[in-house]
Amino acid sequence: MPTMRQRQEIGPKLEAGTYTMVCTNLREDHLENAQFGSGDVIRFTLQTTDVVDEEGQPIELDAIANDSLTPKSKLTKWLTALGVEIPDNGFFDIEAAVGKRCLVNIEVVDKGDLGEWNRVAE
């Protein structure tokens, strides 16, 4: 008996632009064969507040940042944009970002035969 699969369309969920989004979840994760660093990342789930899909549901995006909390790191920039204050001693509850809103610049990345997808712009 054949094992059937249906091709899934991969593509950007949003057009390039700036959107108001809320962080609905974040969690620690690990990327195997990471190009940079240890592969330890923080995975953010961001949801649109003013744009919906064809079914009337908010659009969710998955975004990752290296688990490196330095003054110029992506993680620091994202947490700051979400209104999370990072104390001088560096110890705080990272989940304080959940439920916070911010403006997010979304771009569309075109990888030719691999397709297109959304990415949070730096």
Protein backbone atom coordinates (compact mmCIF):
# COMPACT_ATOMS: atom_id res chain seq x y z
CA MET A 1 0.00 0.00 0.00
CA PRO A 2 1.49 3.40 -0.96
CA THR A 3 2.24 6.00 1.68
CA MET A 4 0.57 9.18 0.45
CA ARG A 5 1.61 12.76 1.15
CA GLN A 6 0.06 16.02 0.06
CA ARG A 7 2.37 18.81 -1.01
CA GLN A 8 2.18 21.74 1.36
CA GLU A 9 2.51 25.24 0.04
CA ILE A 10 5.24 27.17 1.78
CA GLY A 11 5.12 30.88 1.47
CA PRO A 12 4.94 34.12 3.31
CA LYS A 13 1.92 34.62 5.51
CA LEU A 14 2.31 38.41 5.46
CA GLU A 15 3.42 40.99 2.94
CA ALA A 16 6.56 42.91 3.83
CA GLY A 17 5.77 45.77 6.20
CA THR A 18 5.32 46.82 9.81
CA TYR A 19 2.69 45.08 11.95
CA THR A 20 1.50 45.35 15.53
CA MET A 21 2.03 41.92 17.06
CA VAL A 22 1.73 40.30 20.46
CA CYS A 23 4.08 37.68 21.87
CA THR A 24 1.83 34.73 22.69
CA ASN A 25 4.54 32.27 23.67
CA LEU A 26 8.27 31.82 23.99
CA ARG A 27 10.35 28.83 24.83
CA GLU A 28 13.89 27.54 24.83
CA ASP A 29 14.81 25.37 21.87
CA HIS A 30 17.88 23.89 20.22
CA LEU A 31 18.72 23.91 16.51
CA GLU A 32 20.66 20.92 15.26
CA ASN A 33 23.57 21.77 12.94
CA ALA A 34 23.33 25.50 13.70
CA GLN A 35 25.36 27.76 11.41
CA PHE A 36 26.33 30.05 14.29
CA GLY A 37 26.76 29.55 18.01
CA SER A 38 25.70 26.60 20.10
CA GLY A 39 22.27 26.19 18.52
CA ASP A 40 20.52 27.25 21.73
CA VAL A 41 17.73 29.66 20.81
CA ILE A 42 14.64 31.33 22.20
CA ARG A 43 11.64 30.65 19.98
CA PHE A 44 9.01 33.42 19.96
CA THR A 45 5.43 32.96 18.75
CA LEU A 46 4.18 36.31 17.48
CA GLN A 47 0.55 36.95 16.53
CA THR A 48 -0.89 39.81 14.51
CA THR A 49 -3.36 42.08 16.27
CA ASP A 50 -4.79 43.85 13.23
CA VAL A 51 -4.48 41.37 10.35
CA VAL A 52 -6.33 38.07 9.96
CA ASP A 53 -6.13 35.14 7.54
CA GLU A 54 -8.86 33.91 5.18
CA GLU A 55 -10.62 32.21 8.09
CA GLY A 56 -10.66 35.37 10.22
CA GLN A 57 -7.91 34.14 12.56
CA PRO A 58 -4.86 36.17 13.64
CA ILE A 59 -1.70 35.23 11.77
CA GLU A 60 1.06 33.57 13.81
CA LEU A 61 4.74 33.70 13.02
CA ASP A 62 7.56 31.71 14.55
CA ALA A 63 10.74 33.72 15.16
CA ILE A 64 14.01 32.68 16.76
CA ALA A 65 16.86 34.51 18.42
CA ASN A 66 20.12 33.07 19.72
CA ASP A 67 19.98 32.50 23.46
CA SER A 68 22.61 35.17 24.01
CA LEU A 69 21.68 38.10 26.22
CA THR A 70 24.34 40.68 25.39
CA PRO A 71 23.76 44.43 24.93
CA LYS A 72 23.70 44.18 21.11
CA SER A 73 22.11 40.75 20.67
CA LYS A 74 18.89 40.12 18.77
CA LEU A 75 17.36 38.66 21.93
CA THR A 76 18.07 41.87 23.88
CA LYS A 77 16.63 44.02 21.07
CA TRP A 78 13.46 41.93 20.83
CA LEU A 79 12.86 41.81 24.58
CA THR A 80 13.42 45.57 24.81
CA ALA A 81 10.97 46.16 21.94
CA LEU A 82 8.43 44.10 23.88
CA GLY A 83 8.90 46.35 26.91
CA VAL A 84 10.78 43.86 29.06
CA GLU A 85 13.26 45.58 31.36
CA ILE A 86 16.54 43.75 31.69
CA PRO A 87 18.09 44.49 35.08
CA ASP A 88 21.80 45.21 35.44
CA ASN A 89 22.39 41.85 37.13
CA GLY A 90 20.87 40.16 34.06
CA PHE A 91 18.53 37.88 36.01
CA PHE A 92 14.84 38.13 35.15
CA ASP A 93 11.90 36.04 33.97
CA ILE A 94 12.15 35.96 30.18
CA GLU A 95 8.49 34.93 30.00
CA ALA A 96 7.64 38.51 31.01
CA ALA A 97 7.50 39.10 27.23
CA VAL A 98 4.38 36.92 26.85
CA GLY A 99 1.31 39.08 26.33
CA LYS A 100 3.34 42.17 25.38
CA ARG A 101 2.80 44.04 22.10
CA CYS A 102 5.29 45.70 19.79
CA LEU A 103 5.77 46.83 16.21
CA VAL A 104 7.47 44.19 14.08
CA ASN A 105 9.11 44.78 10.71
CA ILE A 106 8.42 41.77 8.51
CA GLU A 107 10.31 41.02 5.34
CA VAL A 108 9.80 38.37 2.70
CA VAL A 109 12.84 36.19 2.03
CA ASP A 110 13.05 34.64 -1.43
CA LYS A 111 15.23 31.52 -1.60
CA GLY A 112 14.48 30.64 -5.23
CA ASP A 113 13.54 26.98 -5.59
CA LEU A 114 13.21 26.65 -1.81
CA GLY A 115 10.39 29.19 -1.78
CA GLU A 116 9.58 32.35 0.13
CA TRP A 117 8.86 32.96 3.79
CA ASN A 118 8.57 35.72 6.35
CA ARG A 119 11.38 36.87 8.59
CA VAL A 120 11.50 39.45 11.36
CA ALA A 121 13.79 42.20 10.06
CA GLU A 122 16.65 43.41 12.22
